[in-house]
Amino acid sequence: MAEIVPAILTADKNAYRKQYELYSSFAKRIQLDICDGIFTQTQTMDVSNAWREANWAKLDLHMMVMDPSNYLPIIPKIAPSLVIFHAETNENLLPIFRQLKQLNIRTGVAILKQTYPGKISAYLKEVDHCLIFAGSLGQQGGKADMLQIEKVPIIRAINPNLEIGWDGGANMSNVRALAHSDIDIINVGSALSKSPDPKKTFTELSEEIEKRGVVI
């Protein structure tokens, strides 16, 4: 069954702490989006500020950065459960993935809308997670490109054991369709951050993905 994972995107380290603490009260896993202002037009807070209390939810890092190796010295200090880099960066990611695995950190590769999974089969065979990016890069609140679901069977054919995530435009109108498209992790940003009651919205989203039948 798919899992709803709150996503945080902010340039303010105090806002990060506030959101992380809030989401940890009802979610077991949270994704933090880091943007370097080069790979993306948006620049968020520095990843070095991505700390958490021991009793907070697990931390996934979605690194929207052009030069992943620059971040390797700081990532082990943060102790994330998963680090995701984009296939479209300037670097060969295989050595980076292998270095992180030696530190017992799970690895993931994210693919933008224009990237065909077959072209990055070497990455897909190496990592633990593939993130299908279907929204607006470096922003929350974008519209989901549901055609990106077509990548799921291609990814499964390359590596059946991969955890597949979705990032971009997930909300009550589409989470059931996403959950029943063989997607494991549905990252939710603005639907939670803009909600007057994030915990209630999280519960409603979690209940929605368990429903069967036609989406009306």
N, C-alpha and C. Protein backbone atom coordinates (compact mmCIF):
# COMPACT_ATOMS: atom_id res chain seq x y z
N MET A 1 0.84 -1.20 0.00
CA MET A 1 0.00 0.00 0.00
C MET A 1 0.88 1.24 0.00
N ALA A 2 0.46 2.24 -0.74
CA ALA A 2 1.21 3.50 -0.83
C ALA A 2 1.20 4.23 0.51
N GLU A 3 2.15 5.14 0.65
CA GLU A 3 2.30 5.92 1.89
C GLU A 3 2.36 7.40 1.55
N ILE A 4 1.63 8.21 2.29
CA ILE A 4 1.69 9.66 2.16
C ILE A 4 2.87 10.18 2.97
N VAL A 5 3.74 10.97 2.33
CA VAL A 5 4.91 11.53 2.99
C VAL A 5 4.89 13.06 2.84
N PRO A 6 4.78 13.81 3.92
CA PRO A 6 4.82 15.27 3.83
C PRO A 6 6.16 15.75 3.28
N ALA A 7 6.10 16.80 2.46
CA ALA A 7 7.31 17.39 1.88
C ALA A 7 7.45 18.83 2.35
N ILE A 8 8.67 19.19 2.69
CA ILE A 8 8.97 20.55 3.16
C ILE A 8 9.89 21.23 2.16
N LEU A 9 9.54 22.44 1.76
CA LEU A 9 10.38 23.27 0.90
C LEU A 9 10.36 24.68 1.45
N THR A 10 11.51 25.14 1.95
CA THR A 10 11.56 26.46 2.57
C THR A 10 12.99 27.00 2.55
N ALA A 11 13.10 28.32 2.55
CA ALA A 11 14.40 28.98 2.66
C ALA A 11 14.69 29.39 4.11
N ASP A 12 13.74 29.16 4.99
CA ASP A 12 13.81 29.61 6.38
C ASP A 12 14.02 28.41 7.30
N LYS A 13 15.16 28.35 7.96
CA LYS A 13 15.46 27.20 8.81
C LYS A 13 14.52 27.11 10.00
N ASN A 14 13.98 28.23 10.45
CA ASN A 14 13.03 28.21 11.56
C ASN A 14 11.68 27.65 11.11
N ALA A 15 11.30 27.99 9.87
CA ALA A 15 10.06 27.44 9.31
C ALA A 15 10.22 25.94 9.10
N TYR A 16 11.42 25.52 8.70
CA TYR A 16 11.70 24.09 8.54
C TYR A 16 11.48 23.35 9.86
N ARG A 17 12.07 23.87 10.91
CA ARG A 17 11.94 23.22 12.22
C ARG A 17 10.48 23.14 12.65
N LYS A 18 9.74 24.23 12.45
CA LYS A 18 8.34 24.26 12.85
C LYS A 18 7.52 23.23 12.08
N GLN A 19 7.74 23.17 10.75
CA GLN A 19 7.00 22.20 9.94
C GLN A 19 7.39 20.77 10.27
N TYR A 20 8.70 20.54 10.45
CA TYR A 20 9.16 19.18 10.73
C TYR A 20 8.59 18.67 12.05
N GLU A 21 8.59 19.53 13.05
CA GLU A 21 8.06 19.14 14.35
C GLU A 21 6.57 18.84 14.25
N LEU A 22 5.84 19.68 13.50
CA LEU A 22 4.40 19.47 13.33
C LEU A 22 4.13 18.16 12.59
N TYR A 23 4.80 17.96 11.45
CA TYR A 23 4.55 16.76 10.65
C TYR A 23 4.96 15.49 11.40
N SER A 24 5.97 15.59 12.23
CA SER A 24 6.43 14.42 12.99
C SER A 24 5.40 13.95 14.01
N SER A 25 4.45 14.81 14.31
CA SER A 25 3.42 14.43 15.28
C SER A 25 2.40 13.46 14.67
N PHE A 26 2.39 13.35 13.32
CA PHE A 26 1.43 12.43 12.70
C PHE A 26 2.01 11.62 11.54
N ALA A 27 3.21 11.93 11.07
CA ALA A 27 3.82 11.18 9.97
C ALA A 27 5.10 10.50 10.44
N LYS A 28 5.40 9.34 9.86
CA LYS A 28 6.60 8.60 10.23
C LYS A 28 7.80 8.95 9.35
N ARG A 29 7.53 9.64 8.26
CA ARG A 29 8.57 9.91 7.27
C ARG A 29 8.28 11.25 6.61
N ILE A 30 9.32 12.05 6.41
CA ILE A 30 9.18 13.39 5.84
C ILE A 30 10.26 13.61 4.80
N GLN A 31 9.90 14.26 3.71
CA GLN A 31 10.88 14.61 2.69
C GLN A 31 11.21 16.10 2.76
N LEU A 32 12.50 16.41 2.77
CA LEU A 32 12.95 17.80 2.71
C LEU A 32 13.52 18.07 1.33
N ASP A 33 12.99 19.10 0.67
CA ASP A 33 13.46 19.50 -0.65
C ASP A 33 14.55 20.56 -0.51
N ILE A 34 15.71 20.26 -1.07
CA ILE A 34 16.82 21.20 -1.06
C ILE A 34 17.10 21.67 -2.49
N CYS A 35 17.09 22.98 -2.70
CA CYS A 35 17.31 23.57 -4.02
C CYS A 35 18.52 24.50 -3.96
N ASP A 36 19.43 24.37 -4.94
CA ASP A 36 20.67 25.14 -4.90
C ASP A 36 20.63 26.47 -5.65
N GLY A 37 19.51 26.77 -6.32
CA GLY A 37 19.43 28.01 -7.09
C GLY A 37 20.16 27.93 -8.42
N ILE A 38 20.70 26.77 -8.76
CA ILE A 38 21.39 26.56 -10.04
C ILE A 38 20.63 25.50 -10.84
N PHE A 39 20.48 24.34 -10.25
CA PHE A 39 19.66 23.30 -10.87
C PHE A 39 18.20 23.77 -10.94
N THR A 40 17.83 24.57 -9.96
CA THR A 40 16.49 25.15 -9.89
C THR A 40 16.61 26.67 -9.83
N GLN A 41 15.54 27.36 -10.18
CA GLN A 41 15.53 28.82 -10.03
C GLN A 41 15.39 29.20 -8.57
N THR A 42 14.75 28.35 -7.81
CA THR A 42 14.53 28.58 -6.38
C THR A 42 15.74 28.15 -5.57
N GLN A 43 16.06 28.88 -4.51
CA GLN A 43 17.09 28.46 -3.57
C GLN A 43 16.46 28.33 -2.19
N THR A 44 16.65 27.19 -1.58
CA THR A 44 16.11 26.94 -0.25
C THR A 44 17.18 27.14 0.81
N MET A 45 16.86 26.80 2.03
CA MET A 45 17.85 26.85 3.10
C MET A 45 18.98 25.86 2.81
N ASP A 46 20.13 26.10 3.41
CA ASP A 46 21.27 25.20 3.24
C ASP A 46 20.98 23.86 3.90
N VAL A 47 21.43 22.80 3.26
CA VAL A 47 21.15 21.46 3.79
C VAL A 47 21.79 21.24 5.16
N SER A 48 22.81 22.01 5.49
CA SER A 48 23.46 21.87 6.80
C SER A 48 22.51 22.20 7.95
N ASN A 49 21.41 22.90 7.65
CA ASN A 49 20.42 23.23 8.69
C ASN A 49 19.36 22.14 8.84
N ALA A 50 19.51 21.05 8.12
CA ALA A 50 18.50 19.99 8.12
C ALA A 50 18.73 19.01 9.27
N TRP A 51 18.59 19.48 10.47
CA TRP A 51 18.76 18.61 11.64
C TRP A 51 17.37 18.24 12.16
N ARG A 52 17.34 17.25 13.01
CA ARG A 52 16.07 16.83 13.60
C ARG A 52 16.32 16.22 14.97
N GLU A 53 15.29 16.24 15.79
CA GLU A 53 15.35 15.59 17.09
C GLU A 53 15.27 14.07 16.90
N ALA A 54 15.78 13.32 17.85
CA ALA A 54 15.84 11.86 17.73
C ALA A 54 14.46 11.24 17.59
N ASN A 55 13.44 11.86 18.20
CA ASN A 55 12.10 11.27 18.18
C ASN A 55 11.24 11.79 17.03
N TRP A 56 11.83 12.60 16.14
CA TRP A 56 11.10 13.10 14.99
C TRP A 56 11.06 12.04 13.90
N ALA A 57 10.25 12.27 12.89
CA ALA A 57 10.09 11.32 11.79
C ALA A 57 11.39 11.15 11.00
N LYS A 58 11.48 10.04 10.28
CA LYS A 58 12.64 9.80 9.41
C LYS A 58 12.74 10.91 8.36
N LEU A 59 13.97 11.19 7.95
CA LEU A 59 14.21 12.29 7.01
C LEU A 59 14.71 11.76 5.67
N ASP A 60 13.98 12.10 4.60
CA ASP A 60 14.44 11.87 3.23
C ASP A 60 14.89 13.21 2.67
N LEU A 61 16.03 13.21 2.00
CA LEU A 61 16.53 14.42 1.35
C LEU A 61 16.34 14.33 -0.15
N HIS A 62 15.59 15.25 -0.71
CA HIS A 62 15.44 15.37 -2.17
C HIS A 62 16.33 16.52 -2.60
N MET A 63 17.49 16.17 -3.15
CA MET A 63 18.53 17.14 -3.46
C MET A 63 18.43 17.62 -4.92
N MET A 64 17.82 18.78 -5.10
CA MET A 64 17.71 19.39 -6.43
C MET A 64 18.92 20.30 -6.62
N VAL A 65 20.07 19.66 -6.87
CA VAL A 65 21.35 20.38 -6.93
C VAL A 65 22.12 19.94 -8.17
N MET A 66 22.96 20.84 -8.68
CA MET A 66 23.70 20.56 -9.90
C MET A 66 24.95 19.72 -9.65
N ASP A 67 25.57 19.89 -8.49
CA ASP A 67 26.84 19.22 -8.20
C ASP A 67 26.72 18.40 -6.91
N PRO A 68 26.18 17.19 -7.00
CA PRO A 68 25.91 16.38 -5.81
C PRO A 68 27.12 16.11 -4.92
N SER A 69 28.29 15.91 -5.50
CA SER A 69 29.46 15.55 -4.70
C SER A 69 29.84 16.65 -3.70
N ASN A 70 29.44 17.88 -3.97
CA ASN A 70 29.73 18.97 -3.05
C ASN A 70 29.04 18.78 -1.70
N TYR A 71 28.00 17.95 -1.68
CA TYR A 71 27.18 17.79 -0.48
C TYR A 71 27.55 16.54 0.32
N LEU A 72 28.45 15.74 -0.20
CA LEU A 72 28.80 14.50 0.48
C LEU A 72 29.42 14.70 1.86
N PRO A 73 30.23 15.74 2.09
CA PRO A 73 30.80 15.90 3.44
C PRO A 73 29.76 16.18 4.52
N ILE A 74 28.66 16.85 4.17
CA ILE A 74 27.68 17.24 5.18
C ILE A 74 26.59 16.20 5.39
N ILE A 75 26.25 15.43 4.36
CA ILE A 75 25.12 14.51 4.44
C ILE A 75 25.24 13.50 5.59
N PRO A 76 26.40 12.87 5.81
CA PRO A 76 26.48 11.91 6.92
C PRO A 76 26.19 12.52 8.28
N LYS A 77 26.48 13.80 8.45
CA LYS A 77 26.22 14.47 9.72
C LYS A 77 24.72 14.64 9.98
N ILE A 78 23.96 14.68 8.90
CA ILE A 78 22.50 14.84 9.02
C ILE A 78 21.83 13.51 9.30
N ALA A 79 22.45 12.42 8.85
CA ALA A 79 21.94 11.07 9.05
C ALA A 79 20.54 10.87 8.48
N PRO A 80 20.34 11.18 7.20
CA PRO A 80 19.03 10.93 6.59
C PRO A 80 18.83 9.45 6.34
N SER A 81 17.58 9.04 6.18
CA SER A 81 17.30 7.65 5.85
C SER A 81 17.42 7.39 4.36
N LEU A 82 17.27 8.45 3.56
CA LEU A 82 17.30 8.35 2.10
C LEU A 82 17.80 9.67 1.52
N VAL A 83 18.67 9.58 0.51
CA VAL A 83 19.13 10.76 -0.23
C VAL A 83 18.85 10.55 -1.71
N ILE A 84 18.13 11.51 -2.30
CA ILE A 84 17.75 11.42 -3.71
C ILE A 84 18.45 12.53 -4.49
N PHE A 85 19.18 12.14 -5.54
CA PHE A 85 19.78 13.10 -6.45
C PHE A 85 19.13 12.96 -7.83
N HIS A 86 19.17 14.03 -8.60
CA HIS A 86 18.56 14.01 -9.93
C HIS A 86 19.49 13.42 -10.98
N ALA A 87 18.90 12.62 -11.86
CA ALA A 87 19.66 12.01 -12.96
C ALA A 87 20.23 13.07 -13.90
N GLU A 88 19.63 14.26 -13.90
CA GLU A 88 20.01 15.29 -14.87
C GLU A 88 21.12 16.22 -14.38
N THR A 89 21.82 15.85 -13.33
CA THR A 89 22.90 16.69 -12.80
C THR A 89 24.14 16.62 -13.68
N ASN A 90 25.18 17.35 -13.27
CA ASN A 90 26.43 17.40 -14.04
C ASN A 90 27.32 16.19 -13.82
N GLU A 91 27.01 15.35 -12.85
CA GLU A 91 27.95 14.31 -12.42
C GLU A 91 27.45 12.90 -12.68
N ASN A 92 28.41 11.97 -12.71
CA ASN A 92 28.10 10.55 -12.70
C ASN A 92 27.71 10.20 -11.27
N LEU A 93 26.51 9.74 -11.08
CA LEU A 93 26.01 9.51 -9.73
C LEU A 93 26.39 8.15 -9.14
N LEU A 94 26.85 7.23 -9.95
CA LEU A 94 27.13 5.89 -9.43
C LEU A 94 28.14 5.88 -8.28
N PRO A 95 29.28 6.58 -8.40
CA PRO A 95 30.21 6.61 -7.26
C PRO A 95 29.61 7.25 -6.01
N ILE A 96 28.74 8.23 -6.21
CA ILE A 96 28.10 8.91 -5.09
C ILE A 96 27.13 7.97 -4.39
N PHE A 97 26.34 7.25 -5.17
CA PHE A 97 25.41 6.28 -4.59
C PHE A 97 26.16 5.22 -3.79
N ARG A 98 27.26 4.74 -4.33
CA ARG A 98 28.02 3.68 -3.66
C ARG A 98 28.66 4.18 -2.37
N GLN A 99 29.10 5.43 -2.38
CA GLN A 99 29.69 6.00 -1.16
C GLN A 99 28.63 6.14 -0.07
N LEU A 100 27.44 6.57 -0.43
CA LEU A 100 26.36 6.70 0.54
C LEU A 100 25.95 5.34 1.09
N LYS A 101 25.92 4.34 0.23
CA LYS A 101 25.55 2.99 0.69
C LYS A 101 26.55 2.45 1.70
N GLN A 102 27.82 2.80 1.54
CA GLN A 102 28.82 2.38 2.51
C GLN A 102 28.56 2.99 3.88
N LEU A 103 27.83 4.09 3.90
CA LEU A 103 27.47 4.75 5.15
C LEU A 103 26.09 4.32 5.64
N ASN A 104 25.54 3.28 4.99
CA ASN A 104 24.22 2.75 5.34
C ASN A 104 23.11 3.77 5.14
N ILE A 105 23.27 4.60 4.12
CA ILE A 105 22.24 5.57 3.75
C ILE A 105 21.61 5.10 2.44
N ARG A 106 20.29 4.96 2.43
CA ARG A 106 19.60 4.54 1.22
C ARG A 106 19.71 5.62 0.14
N THR A 107 19.71 5.18 -1.11
CA THR A 107 19.93 6.11 -2.22
C THR A 107 18.74 6.11 -3.17
N GLY A 108 18.56 7.26 -3.81
CA GLY A 108 17.48 7.39 -4.78
C GLY A 108 17.88 8.28 -5.94
N VAL A 109 17.22 8.06 -7.08
CA VAL A 109 17.43 8.91 -8.24
C VAL A 109 16.09 9.50 -8.64
N ALA A 110 16.08 10.80 -8.90
CA ALA A 110 14.87 11.49 -9.35
C ALA A 110 14.98 11.76 -10.85
N ILE A 111 13.84 11.70 -11.53
CA ILE A 111 13.84 11.96 -12.97
C ILE A 111 12.80 13.02 -13.30
N LEU A 112 13.22 13.99 -14.09
CA LEU A 112 12.32 15.05 -14.53
C LEU A 112 11.38 14.53 -15.62
N LYS A 113 10.41 15.34 -15.99
CA LYS A 113 9.38 14.93 -16.94
C LYS A 113 9.97 14.44 -18.27
N GLN A 114 11.02 15.10 -18.73
CA GLN A 114 11.57 14.78 -20.05
C GLN A 114 12.49 13.58 -20.05
N THR A 115 12.80 13.02 -18.90
CA THR A 115 13.78 11.93 -18.81
C THR A 115 13.09 10.57 -18.95
N TYR A 116 13.55 9.80 -19.91
CA TYR A 116 13.03 8.45 -20.13
C TYR A 116 13.78 7.48 -19.22
N PRO A 117 13.07 6.68 -18.42
CA PRO A 117 13.75 5.81 -17.46
C PRO A 117 14.78 4.86 -18.09
N GLY A 118 14.53 4.41 -19.30
CA GLY A 118 15.45 3.48 -19.94
C GLY A 118 16.84 4.04 -20.14
N LYS A 119 16.95 5.36 -20.20
CA LYS A 119 18.25 5.99 -20.42
C LYS A 119 19.10 6.03 -19.14
N ILE A 120 18.49 5.75 -18.00
CA ILE A 120 19.24 5.77 -16.75
C ILE A 120 19.14 4.40 -16.06
N SER A 121 19.10 3.36 -16.84
CA SER A 121 18.94 2.01 -16.28
C SER A 121 20.06 1.66 -15.31
N ALA A 122 21.28 2.16 -15.56
CA ALA A 122 22.40 1.88 -14.64
C ALA A 122 22.12 2.44 -13.26
N TYR A 123 21.54 3.63 -13.20
CA TYR A 123 21.18 4.22 -11.92
C TYR A 123 20.05 3.42 -11.25
N LEU A 124 19.05 3.05 -12.03
CA LEU A 124 17.89 2.35 -11.49
C LEU A 124 18.26 0.98 -10.93
N LYS A 125 19.28 0.38 -11.47
CA LYS A 125 19.74 -0.92 -10.96
C LYS A 125 20.59 -0.77 -9.70
N GLU A 126 21.05 0.44 -9.42
CA GLU A 126 21.96 0.68 -8.29
C GLU A 126 21.24 1.17 -7.05
N VAL A 127 20.18 1.96 -7.24
CA VAL A 127 19.56 2.67 -6.11
C VAL A 127 18.44 1.87 -5.45
N ASP A 128 17.93 2.43 -4.36
CA ASP A 128 16.82 1.84 -3.61
C ASP A 128 15.48 2.47 -3.96
N HIS A 129 15.53 3.67 -4.56
CA HIS A 129 14.32 4.48 -4.72
C HIS A 129 14.41 5.25 -6.04
N CYS A 130 13.30 5.36 -6.74
CA CYS A 130 13.22 6.23 -7.92
C CYS A 130 12.07 7.21 -7.71
N LEU A 131 12.38 8.49 -7.80
CA LEU A 131 11.37 9.53 -7.60
C LEU A 131 10.94 10.08 -8.96
N ILE A 132 9.67 9.88 -9.29
CA ILE A 132 9.11 10.44 -10.52
C ILE A 132 8.68 11.87 -10.22
N PHE A 133 9.36 12.82 -10.85
CA PHE A 133 9.04 14.22 -10.59
C PHE A 133 8.04 14.69 -11.64
N ALA A 134 6.89 15.16 -11.16
CA ALA A 134 5.79 15.46 -12.08
C ALA A 134 5.17 16.83 -11.83
N GLY A 135 5.89 17.69 -11.11
CA GLY A 135 5.35 19.01 -10.79
C GLY A 135 6.20 20.12 -11.35
N SER A 136 6.33 21.20 -10.59
CA SER A 136 7.13 22.36 -10.97
C SER A 136 8.41 22.37 -10.13
N LEU A 137 9.54 22.27 -10.78
CA LEU A 137 10.82 22.10 -10.09
C LEU A 137 11.11 23.27 -9.15
N GLY A 138 11.37 22.92 -7.88
CA GLY A 138 11.71 23.93 -6.89
C GLY A 138 10.53 24.71 -6.35
N GLN A 139 9.32 24.22 -6.62
CA GLN A 139 8.12 24.91 -6.15
C GLN A 139 7.13 23.90 -5.60
N GLN A 140 6.25 24.39 -4.74
CA GLN A 140 5.11 23.61 -4.29
C GLN A 140 3.85 24.22 -4.87
N GLY A 141 2.83 23.40 -5.01
CA GLY A 141 1.56 23.91 -5.51
C GLY A 141 1.37 23.77 -7.00
N GLY A 142 2.30 23.10 -7.69
CA GLY A 142 2.17 22.92 -9.12
C GLY A 142 1.13 21.87 -9.46
N LYS A 143 0.76 21.82 -10.72
CA LYS A 143 -0.21 20.83 -11.20
C LYS A 143 0.50 19.55 -11.56
N ALA A 144 -0.05 18.42 -11.15
CA ALA A 144 0.55 17.13 -11.43
C ALA A 144 0.39 16.75 -12.90
N ASP A 145 1.46 16.31 -13.51
CA ASP A 145 1.41 15.75 -14.86
C ASP A 145 1.16 14.26 -14.72
N MET A 146 -0.09 13.86 -14.79
CA MET A 146 -0.47 12.47 -14.53
C MET A 146 0.04 11.51 -15.59
N LEU A 147 0.45 12.02 -16.74
CA LEU A 147 1.01 11.15 -17.77
C LEU A 147 2.33 10.52 -17.32
N GLN A 148 2.95 11.11 -16.31
CA GLN A 148 4.21 10.56 -15.80
C GLN A 148 4.02 9.18 -15.16
N ILE A 149 2.78 8.82 -14.87
CA ILE A 149 2.49 7.49 -14.34
C ILE A 149 2.96 6.41 -15.31
N GLU A 150 2.98 6.73 -16.60
CA GLU A 150 3.39 5.76 -17.61
C GLU A 150 4.84 5.28 -17.41
N LYS A 151 5.61 6.00 -16.62
CA LYS A 151 6.99 5.59 -16.36
C LYS A 151 7.08 4.42 -15.37
N VAL A 152 6.03 4.22 -14.58
CA VAL A 152 6.09 3.21 -13.53
C VAL A 152 6.39 1.81 -14.06
N PRO A 153 5.66 1.30 -15.05
CA PRO A 153 5.98 -0.06 -15.53
C PRO A 153 7.36 -0.16 -16.18
N ILE A 154 7.84 0.92 -16.77
CA ILE A 154 9.18 0.92 -17.37
C ILE A 154 10.23 0.77 -16.27
N ILE A 155 10.03 1.51 -15.19
CA ILE A 155 10.96 1.43 -14.04
C ILE A 155 10.91 0.04 -13.42
N ARG A 156 9.71 -0.49 -13.24
CA ARG A 156 9.55 -1.82 -12.65
C ARG A 156 10.24 -2.89 -13.49
N ALA A 157 10.19 -2.73 -14.82
CA ALA A 157 10.81 -3.72 -15.70
C ALA A 157 12.33 -3.72 -15.54
N ILE A 158 12.90 -2.56 -15.22
CA ILE A 158 14.34 -2.45 -15.05
C ILE A 158 14.77 -2.95 -13.68
N ASN A 159 14.01 -2.60 -12.65
CA ASN A 159 14.32 -3.03 -11.29
C ASN A 159 13.02 -3.22 -10.52
N PRO A 160 12.52 -4.47 -10.45
CA PRO A 160 11.23 -4.74 -9.79
C PRO A 160 11.23 -4.42 -8.30
N ASN A 161 12.39 -4.34 -7.68
CA ASN A 161 12.46 -4.16 -6.24
C ASN A 161 12.54 -2.70 -5.79
N LEU A 162 12.55 -1.78 -6.73
CA LEU A 162 12.66 -0.37 -6.39
C LEU A 162 11.43 0.14 -5.65
N GLU A 163 11.67 1.02 -4.69
CA GLU A 163 10.61 1.82 -4.12
C GLU A 163 10.41 3.00 -5.08
N ILE A 164 9.18 3.22 -5.51
CA ILE A 164 8.90 4.30 -6.46
C ILE A 164 8.13 5.41 -5.75
N GLY A 165 8.65 6.63 -5.88
CA GLY A 165 8.00 7.79 -5.29
C GLY A 165 7.44 8.72 -6.34
N TRP A 166 6.52 9.58 -5.91
CA TRP A 166 5.90 10.59 -6.78
C TRP A 166 6.02 11.93 -6.10
N ASP A 167 6.43 12.93 -6.86
CA ASP A 167 6.56 14.29 -6.33
C ASP A 167 5.99 15.26 -7.33
N GLY A 168 4.96 16.02 -6.90
CA GLY A 168 4.41 17.05 -7.77
C GLY A 168 2.90 17.02 -7.87
N GLY A 169 2.25 17.98 -7.23
CA GLY A 169 0.82 18.19 -7.41
C GLY A 169 -0.10 17.17 -6.79
N ALA A 170 0.39 16.37 -5.86
CA ALA A 170 -0.48 15.36 -5.23
C ALA A 170 -1.47 16.03 -4.29
N ASN A 171 -2.75 15.65 -4.42
CA ASN A 171 -3.80 16.19 -3.56
C ASN A 171 -4.98 15.23 -3.53
N MET A 172 -6.06 15.64 -2.92
CA MET A 172 -7.21 14.74 -2.76
C MET A 172 -7.80 14.31 -4.09
N SER A 173 -7.61 15.09 -5.13
CA SER A 173 -8.22 14.76 -6.42
C SER A 173 -7.48 13.66 -7.17
N ASN A 174 -6.24 13.37 -6.78
CA ASN A 174 -5.47 12.41 -7.57
C ASN A 174 -4.71 11.36 -6.78
N VAL A 175 -4.68 11.45 -5.45
CA VAL A 175 -3.86 10.50 -4.68
C VAL A 175 -4.34 9.06 -4.82
N ARG A 176 -5.66 8.86 -5.00
CA ARG A 176 -6.14 7.49 -5.15
C ARG A 176 -5.64 6.89 -6.46
N ALA A 177 -5.68 7.68 -7.52
CA ALA A 177 -5.17 7.21 -8.81
C ALA A 177 -3.68 6.91 -8.74
N LEU A 178 -2.93 7.76 -8.03
CA LEU A 178 -1.50 7.54 -7.87
C LEU A 178 -1.23 6.27 -7.07
N ALA A 179 -1.97 6.10 -5.99
CA ALA A 179 -1.75 4.95 -5.11
C ALA A 179 -2.03 3.64 -5.82
N HIS A 180 -2.97 3.65 -6.77
CA HIS A 180 -3.33 2.43 -7.47
C HIS A 180 -2.61 2.31 -8.81
N SER A 181 -1.53 3.06 -8.95
CA SER A 181 -0.68 2.98 -10.15
C SER A 181 0.67 2.37 -9.82
N ASP A 182 0.72 1.60 -8.73
CA ASP A 182 1.93 0.90 -8.30
C ASP A 182 3.02 1.87 -7.83
N ILE A 183 2.61 2.99 -7.27
CA ILE A 183 3.53 3.96 -6.67
C ILE A 183 3.52 3.73 -5.16
N ASP A 184 4.70 3.72 -4.56
CA ASP A 184 4.85 3.39 -3.14
C ASP A 184 4.77 4.60 -2.22
N ILE A 185 5.39 5.71 -2.65
CA ILE A 185 5.50 6.91 -1.82
C ILE A 185 4.91 8.10 -2.57
N ILE A 186 3.97 8.78 -1.95
CA ILE A 186 3.37 9.97 -2.55
C ILE A 186 3.73 11.16 -1.67
N ASN A 187 4.65 11.99 -2.17
CA ASN A 187 5.07 13.16 -1.42
C ASN A 187 4.05 14.28 -1.61
N VAL A 188 3.64 14.89 -0.51
CA VAL A 188 2.61 15.92 -0.54
C VAL A 188 3.15 17.19 0.07
N GLY A 189 3.12 18.27 -0.71
CA GLY A 189 3.66 19.55 -0.24
C GLY A 189 2.59 20.55 0.13
N SER A 190 2.11 21.32 -0.86
CA SER A 190 1.19 22.43 -0.57
C SER A 190 -0.15 21.98 -0.02
N ALA A 191 -0.60 20.78 -0.38
CA ALA A 191 -1.87 20.29 0.15
C ALA A 191 -1.84 20.20 1.67
N LEU A 192 -0.64 20.04 2.24
CA LEU A 192 -0.48 20.02 3.69
C LEU A 192 -0.05 21.39 4.23
N SER A 193 0.95 22.00 3.59
CA SER A 193 1.50 23.26 4.12
C SER A 193 0.48 24.40 4.07
N LYS A 194 -0.47 24.33 3.13
CA LYS A 194 -1.49 25.38 3.01
C LYS A 194 -2.81 25.00 3.68
N SER A 195 -2.83 23.83 4.29
CA SER A 195 -4.05 23.38 4.96
C SER A 195 -4.20 24.05 6.33
N PRO A 196 -5.42 24.44 6.70
CA PRO A 196 -5.62 24.99 8.05
C PRO A 196 -5.46 23.94 9.14
N ASP A 197 -5.54 22.66 8.74
CA ASP A 197 -5.40 21.56 9.68
C ASP A 197 -4.62 20.43 8.99
N PRO A 198 -3.27 20.54 8.96
CA PRO A 198 -2.45 19.56 8.25
C PRO A 198 -2.66 18.12 8.70
N LYS A 199 -2.86 17.92 10.01
CA LYS A 199 -3.05 16.56 10.51
C LYS A 199 -4.33 15.95 9.94
N LYS A 200 -5.40 16.72 9.91
CA LYS A 200 -6.66 16.24 9.37
C LYS A 200 -6.51 15.94 7.88
N THR A 201 -5.84 16.82 7.16
CA THR A 201 -5.64 16.62 5.72
C THR A 201 -4.81 15.37 5.46
N PHE A 202 -3.77 15.17 6.27
CA PHE A 202 -2.93 13.98 6.15
C PHE A 202 -3.76 12.71 6.35
N THR A 203 -4.62 12.73 7.35
CA THR A 203 -5.48 11.58 7.62
C THR A 203 -6.43 11.33 6.45
N GLU A 204 -7.00 12.39 5.91
CA GLU A 204 -7.93 12.26 4.78
C GLU A 204 -7.22 11.72 3.55
N LEU A 205 -6.00 12.19 3.29
CA LEU A 205 -5.22 11.69 2.16
C LEU A 205 -4.88 10.21 2.35
N SER A 206 -4.50 9.86 3.56
CA SER A 206 -4.14 8.46 3.86
C SER A 206 -5.35 7.54 3.71
N GLU A 207 -6.52 8.02 4.09
CA GLU A 207 -7.74 7.22 3.93
C GLU A 207 -8.14 7.13 2.46
N GLU A 208 -7.90 8.19 1.72
CA GLU A 208 -8.28 8.21 0.30
C GLU A 208 -7.50 7.18 -0.51
N ILE A 209 -6.22 7.00 -0.21
CA ILE A 209 -5.41 6.07 -1.00
C ILE A 209 -5.77 4.62 -0.73
N GLU A 210 -6.51 4.37 0.35
CA GLU A 210 -6.93 3.01 0.66
C GLU A 210 -8.24 2.64 0.00
N LYS A 211 -8.93 3.63 -0.57
CA LYS A 211 -10.23 3.36 -1.18
C LYS A 211 -10.07 2.64 -2.52
N ARG A 212 -11.06 1.85 -2.84
CA ARG A 212 -11.10 1.14 -4.11
C ARG A 212 -12.21 1.71 -4.97
N GLY A 213 -12.19 1.37 -6.24
CA GLY A 213 -13.26 1.78 -7.13
C GLY A 213 -12.91 3.01 -7.91
N VAL A 214 -13.89 3.50 -8.65
CA VAL A 214 -13.70 4.63 -9.56
C VAL A 214 -13.59 5.92 -8.77
N VAL A 215 -12.63 6.78 -9.18
CA VAL A 215 -12.50 8.10 -8.55
C VAL A 215 -13.56 9.00 -9.13
N ILE A 216 -14.41 9.59 -8.27
CA ILE A 216 -15.49 10.46 -8.72
C ILE A 216 -15.19 11.90 -8.35
